[in-house]
Amino acid sequence: MKKYISPFILLSIILLSTGCAITTDRYQATAVNQQTLKNLDVKMNVGKFKAKKTDHKVMCRLANNVALPDRKSFEGYIEDALIEELTMAGMYSKDSDVVINGYLNDTDVSSGVTDAHWTFDLTISNKNNEEINIVHKRDYSASFLGGVACGNDMPKSFMPTVQELIKKIVDHPKFESMFSAHTQ
């Protein structure tokens, strides 16, 4: 008896074994974050963000990688997002002595049907080594179907999570006092 492999099954095996990555969306600044930054009325610079462990992608359900645009790291994406927010608000200056530094302590992600989330643990500091720690967890709905959860739900929920993280940073009660012109 001759065994026959369907072309569909063969194509599926090839696609699953190639390690295709789904890319998250590029960051887009939000009006809410920009307004908060404009109210601070101080030009700011952003230092190089660092991480306990640098990653450029995460595995989704042991099937697909979810990667960041332009092979950015998670900390690099957050750094660039903050620069974009400040730039759009007219508050970014590479020459400013007011510098926001960041350290990504942890990134946690799940694409489970009952526990789909992105979580970031980030420490923000100024030149005087004053720090604030922000932990932001954003739940999202993930499909039962792995292709939908990993091809749409998980990557599409990343940018809004970072937008909310930036909002938590700039809305933090200590942010304004840490990054005003007189503290630097």
N, C-alpha and C. Protein backbone atom coordinates (compact mmCIF):
# COMPACT_ATOMS: atom_id res chain seq x y z
N MET A 1 0.84 -1.18 0.00
CA MET A 1 0.00 0.00 0.00
C MET A 1 0.88 1.24 0.00
N LYS A 2 0.63 2.13 -0.90
CA LYS A 2 1.42 3.34 -1.06
C LYS A 2 0.80 4.44 -0.20
N LYS A 3 1.65 5.13 0.62
CA LYS A 3 1.16 6.21 1.48
C LYS A 3 1.18 7.51 0.71
N TYR A 4 0.15 8.31 0.90
CA TYR A 4 -0.01 9.57 0.19
C TYR A 4 -0.10 10.70 1.20
N ILE A 5 0.70 11.74 1.00
CA ILE A 5 0.65 12.92 1.87
C ILE A 5 -0.02 14.05 1.09
N SER A 6 -1.07 14.55 1.67
CA SER A 6 -1.82 15.63 1.05
C SER A 6 -0.93 16.87 0.88
N PRO A 7 -1.06 17.59 -0.24
CA PRO A 7 -0.28 18.82 -0.42
C PRO A 7 -0.56 19.85 0.69
N PHE A 8 -1.79 19.89 1.19
CA PHE A 8 -2.14 20.80 2.27
C PHE A 8 -1.36 20.47 3.53
N ILE A 9 -1.28 19.21 3.88
CA ILE A 9 -0.54 18.79 5.07
C ILE A 9 0.95 19.09 4.89
N LEU A 10 1.48 18.81 3.73
CA LEU A 10 2.89 19.08 3.44
C LEU A 10 3.20 20.57 3.56
N LEU A 11 2.33 21.41 2.98
CA LEU A 11 2.52 22.85 3.08
C LEU A 11 2.43 23.32 4.53
N SER A 12 1.49 22.77 5.29
CA SER A 12 1.35 23.13 6.71
C SER A 12 2.61 22.79 7.50
N ILE A 13 3.16 21.63 7.25
CA ILE A 13 4.38 21.21 7.96
C ILE A 13 5.54 22.15 7.61
N ILE A 14 5.66 22.50 6.34
CA ILE A 14 6.74 23.40 5.92
C ILE A 14 6.58 24.77 6.57
N LEU A 15 5.36 25.31 6.55
CA LEU A 15 5.14 26.63 7.14
C LEU A 15 5.37 26.64 8.65
N LEU A 16 4.96 25.59 9.33
CA LEU A 16 5.15 25.54 10.78
C LEU A 16 6.62 25.38 11.14
N SER A 17 7.38 24.73 10.30
CA SER A 17 8.79 24.49 10.63
C SER A 17 9.71 25.64 10.21
N THR A 18 9.21 26.60 9.47
CA THR A 18 10.07 27.69 9.02
C THR A 18 10.25 28.77 10.07
N GLY A 19 9.47 28.75 11.13
CA GLY A 19 9.64 29.74 12.19
C GLY A 19 9.20 31.13 11.78
N CYS A 20 8.13 31.21 11.03
CA CYS A 20 7.61 32.51 10.60
C CYS A 20 7.27 33.36 11.82
N ALA A 21 7.58 34.61 11.73
CA ALA A 21 7.29 35.52 12.84
C ALA A 21 6.21 36.50 12.42
N ILE A 22 5.31 36.78 13.33
CA ILE A 22 4.28 37.79 13.14
C ILE A 22 4.81 39.05 13.82
N THR A 23 4.73 40.18 13.14
CA THR A 23 5.29 41.42 13.67
C THR A 23 4.21 42.27 14.34
N THR A 24 4.56 42.86 15.46
CA THR A 24 3.64 43.78 16.14
C THR A 24 3.57 45.08 15.35
N ASP A 25 2.60 45.90 15.69
CA ASP A 25 2.45 47.20 15.02
C ASP A 25 3.52 48.17 15.50
N ARG A 26 3.88 49.10 14.62
CA ARG A 26 4.77 50.20 15.00
C ARG A 26 4.03 51.10 15.98
N TYR A 27 4.78 51.74 16.83
CA TYR A 27 4.18 52.58 17.86
C TYR A 27 3.55 53.84 17.26
N GLN A 28 2.42 54.24 17.85
CA GLN A 28 1.76 55.49 17.50
C GLN A 28 1.47 56.25 18.78
N ALA A 29 1.87 57.50 18.81
CA ALA A 29 1.66 58.34 19.99
C ALA A 29 0.16 58.57 20.22
N THR A 30 -0.19 58.84 21.47
CA THR A 30 -1.59 59.10 21.81
C THR A 30 -1.77 60.55 22.24
N ALA A 31 -2.92 61.08 21.95
CA ALA A 31 -3.23 62.47 22.33
C ALA A 31 -3.20 62.65 23.84
N VAL A 32 -3.66 61.66 24.58
CA VAL A 32 -3.70 61.75 26.05
C VAL A 32 -2.29 61.88 26.61
N ASN A 33 -1.37 61.04 26.15
CA ASN A 33 0.01 61.10 26.64
C ASN A 33 0.67 62.41 26.25
N GLN A 34 0.42 62.86 25.04
CA GLN A 34 1.02 64.11 24.58
C GLN A 34 0.54 65.29 25.41
N GLN A 35 -0.74 65.32 25.72
CA GLN A 35 -1.27 66.43 26.52
C GLN A 35 -0.65 66.45 27.91
N THR A 36 -0.50 65.29 28.51
CA THR A 36 0.14 65.22 29.84
C THR A 36 1.56 65.75 29.76
N LEU A 37 2.31 65.36 28.73
CA LEU A 37 3.69 65.80 28.58
C LEU A 37 3.77 67.31 28.31
N LYS A 38 2.85 67.82 27.51
CA LYS A 38 2.84 69.27 27.22
C LYS A 38 2.60 70.07 28.50
N ASN A 39 1.78 69.54 29.40
CA ASN A 39 1.48 70.24 30.65
C ASN A 39 2.70 70.35 31.56
N LEU A 40 3.68 69.49 31.38
CA LEU A 40 4.90 69.55 32.20
C LEU A 40 5.78 70.72 31.79
N ASP A 41 5.68 71.12 30.55
CA ASP A 41 6.37 72.30 30.02
C ASP A 41 7.88 72.28 30.28
N VAL A 42 8.50 71.13 29.99
CA VAL A 42 9.95 71.03 30.09
C VAL A 42 10.44 70.08 28.99
N LYS A 43 11.50 70.48 28.30
CA LYS A 43 12.09 69.63 27.26
C LYS A 43 12.83 68.48 27.94
N MET A 44 12.67 67.28 27.40
CA MET A 44 13.28 66.09 27.99
C MET A 44 14.04 65.30 26.93
N ASN A 45 15.05 64.60 27.40
CA ASN A 45 15.81 63.67 26.59
C ASN A 45 15.52 62.27 27.12
N VAL A 46 15.79 61.26 26.32
CA VAL A 46 15.59 59.88 26.73
C VAL A 46 16.91 59.14 26.60
N GLY A 47 17.36 58.57 27.71
CA GLY A 47 18.60 57.78 27.70
C GLY A 47 18.36 56.41 27.10
N LYS A 48 19.42 55.68 26.90
CA LYS A 48 19.33 54.33 26.35
C LYS A 48 18.67 53.42 27.38
N PHE A 49 17.55 52.80 27.02
CA PHE A 49 16.88 51.87 27.92
C PHE A 49 17.63 50.54 27.90
N LYS A 50 17.73 49.93 29.05
CA LYS A 50 18.42 48.65 29.20
C LYS A 50 17.43 47.62 29.73
N ALA A 51 17.86 46.37 29.75
CA ALA A 51 16.98 45.30 30.22
C ALA A 51 17.76 44.23 30.93
N LYS A 52 17.09 43.57 31.85
CA LYS A 52 17.69 42.43 32.53
C LYS A 52 18.00 41.34 31.50
N LYS A 53 17.07 41.17 30.54
CA LYS A 53 17.27 40.20 29.47
C LYS A 53 16.69 40.81 28.19
N THR A 54 17.52 40.96 27.17
CA THR A 54 17.08 41.55 25.91
C THR A 54 16.44 40.50 25.02
N ASP A 55 15.21 40.78 24.61
CA ASP A 55 14.49 39.92 23.68
C ASP A 55 13.98 40.75 22.53
N HIS A 56 13.88 40.11 21.36
CA HIS A 56 13.36 40.76 20.16
C HIS A 56 12.04 40.14 19.74
N LYS A 57 11.71 39.00 20.36
CA LYS A 57 10.49 38.28 20.01
C LYS A 57 10.12 37.35 21.15
N VAL A 58 8.88 36.89 21.12
CA VAL A 58 8.40 35.91 22.09
C VAL A 58 7.70 34.79 21.33
N MET A 59 7.69 33.63 21.92
CA MET A 59 7.03 32.49 21.31
C MET A 59 5.56 32.51 21.73
N CYS A 60 4.70 32.25 20.77
CA CYS A 60 3.27 32.20 21.03
C CYS A 60 2.78 30.77 20.83
N ARG A 61 2.32 30.19 21.90
CA ARG A 61 1.76 28.83 21.90
C ARG A 61 2.67 27.80 21.23
N LEU A 62 3.94 27.95 21.41
CA LEU A 62 4.94 27.02 20.87
C LEU A 62 4.80 26.83 19.36
N ALA A 63 4.24 27.83 18.68
CA ALA A 63 4.03 27.70 17.24
C ALA A 63 4.67 28.84 16.45
N ASN A 64 4.36 30.07 16.82
CA ASN A 64 4.84 31.24 16.07
C ASN A 64 5.60 32.17 16.99
N ASN A 65 6.54 32.87 16.41
CA ASN A 65 7.19 33.96 17.11
C ASN A 65 6.41 35.24 16.85
N VAL A 66 6.28 36.05 17.87
CA VAL A 66 5.74 37.39 17.72
C VAL A 66 6.93 38.31 17.90
N ALA A 67 7.27 39.04 16.85
CA ALA A 67 8.48 39.87 16.83
C ALA A 67 8.12 41.34 16.79
N LEU A 68 9.08 42.16 17.18
CA LEU A 68 8.90 43.61 17.14
C LEU A 68 9.40 44.15 15.81
N PRO A 69 8.84 45.28 15.35
CA PRO A 69 9.27 45.84 14.07
C PRO A 69 10.76 46.18 14.07
N ASP A 70 11.40 46.03 12.94
CA ASP A 70 12.81 46.40 12.74
C ASP A 70 13.74 45.69 13.72
N ARG A 71 13.37 44.52 14.17
CA ARG A 71 14.17 43.71 15.11
C ARG A 71 14.51 44.49 16.38
N LYS A 72 13.63 45.37 16.79
CA LYS A 72 13.83 46.12 18.03
C LYS A 72 13.69 45.18 19.22
N SER A 73 14.37 45.52 20.29
CA SER A 73 14.18 44.80 21.55
C SER A 73 12.97 45.41 22.25
N PHE A 74 12.47 44.73 23.26
CA PHE A 74 11.33 45.28 24.01
C PHE A 74 11.70 46.61 24.65
N GLU A 75 12.89 46.68 25.26
CA GLU A 75 13.29 47.94 25.89
C GLU A 75 13.52 49.03 24.84
N GLY A 76 14.02 48.64 23.67
CA GLY A 76 14.22 49.60 22.58
C GLY A 76 12.90 50.14 22.04
N TYR A 77 11.91 49.27 21.97
CA TYR A 77 10.57 49.68 21.51
C TYR A 77 9.98 50.69 22.50
N ILE A 78 10.09 50.41 23.79
CA ILE A 78 9.55 51.32 24.82
C ILE A 78 10.32 52.64 24.80
N GLU A 79 11.63 52.58 24.67
CA GLU A 79 12.45 53.81 24.57
C GLU A 79 11.99 54.66 23.38
N ASP A 80 11.86 54.02 22.21
CA ASP A 80 11.43 54.74 21.02
C ASP A 80 10.01 55.27 21.16
N ALA A 81 9.15 54.53 21.84
CA ALA A 81 7.76 54.98 22.07
C ALA A 81 7.76 56.26 22.90
N LEU A 82 8.58 56.30 23.94
CA LEU A 82 8.66 57.48 24.79
C LEU A 82 9.21 58.67 24.00
N ILE A 83 10.21 58.43 23.16
CA ILE A 83 10.76 59.49 22.31
C ILE A 83 9.68 60.01 21.36
N GLU A 84 8.91 59.09 20.79
CA GLU A 84 7.85 59.50 19.86
C GLU A 84 6.79 60.35 20.58
N GLU A 85 6.42 59.93 21.78
CA GLU A 85 5.43 60.71 22.55
C GLU A 85 5.96 62.11 22.83
N LEU A 86 7.20 62.19 23.29
CA LEU A 86 7.79 63.50 23.59
C LEU A 86 7.93 64.35 22.33
N THR A 87 8.34 63.73 21.23
CA THR A 87 8.50 64.46 19.97
C THR A 87 7.17 65.01 19.49
N MET A 88 6.15 64.18 19.49
CA MET A 88 4.83 64.62 19.02
C MET A 88 4.27 65.73 19.91
N ALA A 89 4.63 65.71 21.19
CA ALA A 89 4.17 66.75 22.12
C ALA A 89 5.04 68.00 22.04
N GLY A 90 6.12 67.95 21.25
CA GLY A 90 7.04 69.09 21.15
C GLY A 90 7.91 69.25 22.38
N MET A 91 8.11 68.17 23.14
CA MET A 91 8.84 68.23 24.40
C MET A 91 10.16 67.44 24.37
N TYR A 92 10.56 66.94 23.20
CA TYR A 92 11.78 66.14 23.11
C TYR A 92 12.95 67.01 22.66
N SER A 93 14.09 66.85 23.34
CA SER A 93 15.31 67.52 22.93
C SER A 93 16.51 66.65 23.31
N LYS A 94 17.32 66.30 22.32
CA LYS A 94 18.53 65.52 22.58
C LYS A 94 19.52 66.30 23.45
N ASP A 95 19.38 67.62 23.46
CA ASP A 95 20.31 68.47 24.21
C ASP A 95 19.85 68.76 25.64
N SER A 96 18.69 68.29 26.02
CA SER A 96 18.17 68.58 27.35
C SER A 96 18.96 67.85 28.44
N ASP A 97 19.13 68.52 29.57
CA ASP A 97 19.76 67.90 30.74
C ASP A 97 18.77 67.05 31.53
N VAL A 98 17.49 67.17 31.22
CA VAL A 98 16.46 66.37 31.86
C VAL A 98 16.37 65.06 31.08
N VAL A 99 16.91 63.98 31.66
CA VAL A 99 17.03 62.71 30.95
C VAL A 99 16.21 61.63 31.65
N ILE A 100 15.39 60.95 30.87
CA ILE A 100 14.61 59.82 31.37
C ILE A 100 15.36 58.55 31.01
N ASN A 101 15.74 57.77 32.03
CA ASN A 101 16.41 56.49 31.82
C ASN A 101 15.43 55.37 32.16
N GLY A 102 15.62 54.22 31.54
CA GLY A 102 14.73 53.10 31.79
C GLY A 102 15.46 51.78 31.88
N TYR A 103 14.90 50.91 32.71
CA TYR A 103 15.44 49.56 32.87
C TYR A 103 14.26 48.59 32.90
N LEU A 104 14.19 47.72 31.90
CA LEU A 104 13.11 46.74 31.82
C LEU A 104 13.48 45.53 32.66
N ASN A 105 12.82 45.44 33.81
CA ASN A 105 13.10 44.35 34.74
C ASN A 105 12.57 43.01 34.26
N ASP A 106 11.37 43.06 33.64
CA ASP A 106 10.75 41.81 33.22
C ASP A 106 9.67 42.08 32.19
N THR A 107 9.51 41.14 31.29
CA THR A 107 8.42 41.12 30.32
C THR A 107 7.75 39.77 30.46
N ASP A 108 6.44 39.77 30.65
CA ASP A 108 5.71 38.52 30.75
C ASP A 108 4.56 38.59 29.76
N VAL A 109 4.35 37.49 29.07
CA VAL A 109 3.29 37.46 28.07
C VAL A 109 2.64 36.08 28.06
N SER A 110 1.35 36.07 27.81
CA SER A 110 0.61 34.82 27.69
C SER A 110 -0.44 34.99 26.61
N SER A 111 -0.67 33.93 25.86
CA SER A 111 -1.71 33.95 24.83
C SER A 111 -2.77 32.90 25.13
N GLY A 112 -2.89 32.53 26.39
CA GLY A 112 -3.87 31.53 26.78
C GLY A 112 -5.31 32.03 26.62
N VAL A 113 -6.21 31.11 26.39
CA VAL A 113 -7.61 31.47 26.20
C VAL A 113 -8.18 32.14 27.44
N THR A 114 -7.76 31.69 28.62
CA THR A 114 -8.28 32.28 29.86
C THR A 114 -7.30 33.24 30.54
N ASP A 115 -6.09 33.34 30.03
CA ASP A 115 -5.09 34.22 30.65
C ASP A 115 -4.20 34.86 29.59
N ALA A 116 -4.78 35.67 28.74
CA ALA A 116 -4.01 36.34 27.71
C ALA A 116 -3.63 37.73 28.22
N HIS A 117 -2.34 38.02 28.25
CA HIS A 117 -1.88 39.32 28.77
C HIS A 117 -0.46 39.64 28.31
N TRP A 118 -0.15 40.93 28.37
CA TRP A 118 1.22 41.45 28.30
C TRP A 118 1.46 42.13 29.63
N THR A 119 2.63 41.90 30.24
CA THR A 119 2.99 42.56 31.49
C THR A 119 4.42 43.08 31.38
N PHE A 120 4.58 44.34 31.75
CA PHE A 120 5.91 44.96 31.78
C PHE A 120 6.21 45.46 33.18
N ASP A 121 7.42 45.17 33.65
CA ASP A 121 7.93 45.69 34.92
C ASP A 121 9.11 46.58 34.54
N LEU A 122 8.94 47.89 34.72
CA LEU A 122 9.90 48.88 34.23
C LEU A 122 10.28 49.84 35.33
N THR A 123 11.57 50.13 35.44
CA THR A 123 12.05 51.15 36.38
C THR A 123 12.51 52.36 35.57
N ILE A 124 11.97 53.51 35.94
CA ILE A 124 12.32 54.78 35.30
C ILE A 124 13.15 55.57 36.31
N SER A 125 14.24 56.19 35.84
CA SER A 125 15.08 56.96 36.76
C SER A 125 15.55 58.24 36.09
N ASN A 126 16.02 59.17 36.94
CA ASN A 126 16.60 60.42 36.43
C ASN A 126 18.10 60.43 36.71
N LYS A 127 18.75 61.53 36.41
CA LYS A 127 20.21 61.63 36.61
C LYS A 127 20.61 61.61 38.08
N ASN A 128 19.68 61.90 38.98
CA ASN A 128 19.96 61.87 40.42
C ASN A 128 19.69 60.49 41.02
N ASN A 129 19.45 59.50 40.17
CA ASN A 129 19.15 58.13 40.58
C ASN A 129 17.86 58.00 41.40
N GLU A 130 16.96 58.95 41.26
CA GLU A 130 15.63 58.78 41.83
C GLU A 130 14.88 57.85 40.88
N GLU A 131 14.08 56.94 41.45
CA GLU A 131 13.42 55.92 40.63
C GLU A 131 11.93 55.83 40.91
N ILE A 132 11.22 55.40 39.89
CA ILE A 132 9.85 54.94 40.06
C ILE A 132 9.75 53.60 39.34
N ASN A 133 9.01 52.70 39.94
CA ASN A 133 8.81 51.39 39.33
C ASN A 133 7.38 51.29 38.85
N ILE A 134 7.22 50.89 37.62
CA ILE A 134 5.90 50.74 37.02
C ILE A 134 5.74 49.29 36.60
N VAL A 135 4.67 48.66 37.07
CA VAL A 135 4.29 47.34 36.60
C VAL A 135 2.94 47.51 35.93
N HIS A 136 2.90 47.17 34.66
CA HIS A 136 1.65 47.31 33.92
C HIS A 136 1.28 45.99 33.26
N LYS A 137 0.08 45.52 33.59
CA LYS A 137 -0.45 44.30 32.99
C LYS A 137 -1.71 44.66 32.23
N ARG A 138 -1.76 44.24 30.98
CA ARG A 138 -2.94 44.48 30.15
C ARG A 138 -3.44 43.14 29.65
N ASP A 139 -4.67 42.82 30.06
CA ASP A 139 -5.32 41.61 29.58
C ASP A 139 -5.92 41.87 28.20
N TYR A 140 -5.96 40.85 27.39
CA TYR A 140 -6.61 40.94 26.09
C TYR A 140 -7.32 39.62 25.81
N SER A 141 -8.22 39.63 24.87
CA SER A 141 -8.95 38.41 24.49
C SER A 141 -8.14 37.64 23.46
N ALA A 142 -7.97 36.35 23.72
CA ALA A 142 -7.24 35.50 22.78
C ALA A 142 -8.17 34.39 22.30
N SER A 143 -8.13 34.16 21.05
CA SER A 143 -8.95 33.13 20.43
C SER A 143 -8.51 31.74 20.87
N PHE A 144 -9.44 30.83 20.82
CA PHE A 144 -9.13 29.43 21.06
C PHE A 144 -8.22 28.91 19.94
N LEU A 145 -8.41 29.43 18.73
CA LEU A 145 -7.62 29.01 17.58
C LEU A 145 -6.23 29.64 17.64
N GLY A 146 -5.21 28.82 17.64
CA GLY A 146 -3.83 29.30 17.75
C GLY A 146 -3.43 30.27 16.66
N GLY A 147 -3.87 30.01 15.43
CA GLY A 147 -3.53 30.89 14.32
C GLY A 147 -4.07 32.29 14.51
N VAL A 148 -5.26 32.41 15.06
CA VAL A 148 -5.85 33.73 15.31
C VAL A 148 -5.20 34.37 16.54
N ALA A 149 -5.01 33.58 17.59
CA ALA A 149 -4.40 34.12 18.82
C ALA A 149 -2.99 34.62 18.56
N CYS A 150 -2.21 33.86 17.80
CA CYS A 150 -0.80 34.22 17.57
C CYS A 150 -0.60 35.12 16.36
N GLY A 151 -1.52 35.08 15.41
CA GLY A 151 -1.39 35.87 14.20
C GLY A 151 -2.08 37.22 14.29
N ASN A 152 -2.98 37.37 15.28
CA ASN A 152 -3.71 38.62 15.39
C ASN A 152 -3.78 39.14 16.82
N ASP A 153 -4.36 38.35 17.71
CA ASP A 153 -4.67 38.83 19.06
C ASP A 153 -3.44 39.29 19.83
N MET A 154 -2.43 38.44 19.91
CA MET A 154 -1.23 38.77 20.68
C MET A 154 -0.45 39.95 20.07
N PRO A 155 -0.14 39.92 18.77
CA PRO A 155 0.63 41.04 18.21
C PRO A 155 -0.16 42.35 18.20
N LYS A 156 -1.47 42.30 17.97
CA LYS A 156 -2.27 43.53 17.91
C LYS A 156 -2.47 44.16 19.29
N SER A 157 -2.31 43.38 20.34
CA SER A 157 -2.50 43.92 21.69
C SER A 157 -1.22 44.53 22.28
N PHE A 158 -0.09 44.37 21.58
CA PHE A 158 1.18 44.86 22.10
C PHE A 158 1.26 46.39 22.14
N MET A 159 1.01 47.05 21.02
CA MET A 159 1.13 48.52 20.98
C MET A 159 0.22 49.20 22.00
N PRO A 160 -1.07 48.82 22.10
CA PRO A 160 -1.90 49.47 23.12
C PRO A 160 -1.38 49.25 24.55
N THR A 161 -0.72 48.12 24.77
CA THR A 161 -0.14 47.86 26.09
C THR A 161 0.98 48.86 26.36
N VAL A 162 1.83 49.12 25.38
CA VAL A 162 2.92 50.08 25.54
C VAL A 162 2.36 51.50 25.68
N GLN A 163 1.31 51.83 24.94
CA GLN A 163 0.67 53.14 25.09
C GLN A 163 0.18 53.34 26.53
N GLU A 164 -0.44 52.30 27.09
CA GLU A 164 -0.91 52.37 28.48
C GLU A 164 0.25 52.44 29.46
N LEU A 165 1.34 51.73 29.17
CA LEU A 165 2.54 51.78 30.02
C LEU A 165 3.09 53.20 30.06
N ILE A 166 3.20 53.84 28.90
CA ILE A 166 3.70 55.23 28.84
C ILE A 166 2.77 56.14 29.64
N LYS A 167 1.47 55.92 29.53
CA LYS A 167 0.50 56.73 30.28
C LYS A 167 0.74 56.57 31.79
N LYS A 168 0.95 55.32 32.23
CA LYS A 168 1.24 55.09 33.65
C LYS A 168 2.51 55.80 34.09
N ILE A 169 3.50 55.84 33.22
CA ILE A 169 4.76 56.51 33.55
C ILE A 169 4.53 58.00 33.73
N VAL A 170 3.96 58.65 32.71
CA VAL A 170 3.82 60.11 32.74
C VAL A 170 2.75 60.58 33.73
N ASP A 171 1.83 59.70 34.10
CA ASP A 171 0.81 60.05 35.10
C ASP A 171 1.24 59.74 36.53
N HIS A 172 2.39 59.07 36.69
CA HIS A 172 2.85 58.69 38.03
C HIS A 172 3.04 59.95 38.87
N PRO A 173 2.62 59.93 40.14
CA PRO A 173 2.72 61.13 40.99
C PRO A 173 4.13 61.69 41.13
N LYS A 174 5.17 60.86 41.03
CA LYS A 174 6.55 61.34 41.16
C LYS A 174 7.18 61.77 39.84
N PHE A 175 6.54 61.48 38.71
CA PHE A 175 7.16 61.75 37.42
C PHE A 175 7.46 63.24 37.24
N GLU A 176 6.49 64.08 37.50
CA GLU A 176 6.69 65.52 37.28
C GLU A 176 7.82 66.06 38.15
N SER A 177 7.88 65.68 39.43
CA SER A 177 8.94 66.21 40.29
C SER A 177 10.30 65.64 39.91
N MET A 178 10.35 64.40 39.42
CA MET A 178 11.63 63.79 39.03
C MET A 178 12.19 64.39 37.74
N PHE A 179 11.31 64.84 36.87
CA PHE A 179 11.76 65.28 35.55
C PHE A 179 11.42 66.73 35.26
N SER A 180 11.43 67.54 36.28
CA SER A 180 11.29 68.98 36.07
C SER A 180 12.69 69.57 35.92
N ALA A 181 12.78 70.74 35.38
CA ALA A 181 14.06 71.37 35.10
C ALA A 181 14.89 71.61 36.36
N HIS A 182 14.24 71.87 37.52
CA HIS A 182 15.00 72.18 38.73
C HIS A 182 15.59 70.95 39.42
N THR A 183 15.17 69.72 39.06
CA THR A 183 15.73 68.53 39.70
C THR A 183 16.97 68.03 38.98
N GLN A 184 17.25 68.55 37.84
CA GLN A 184 18.38 68.05 37.05
C GLN A 184 19.54 68.92 37.29
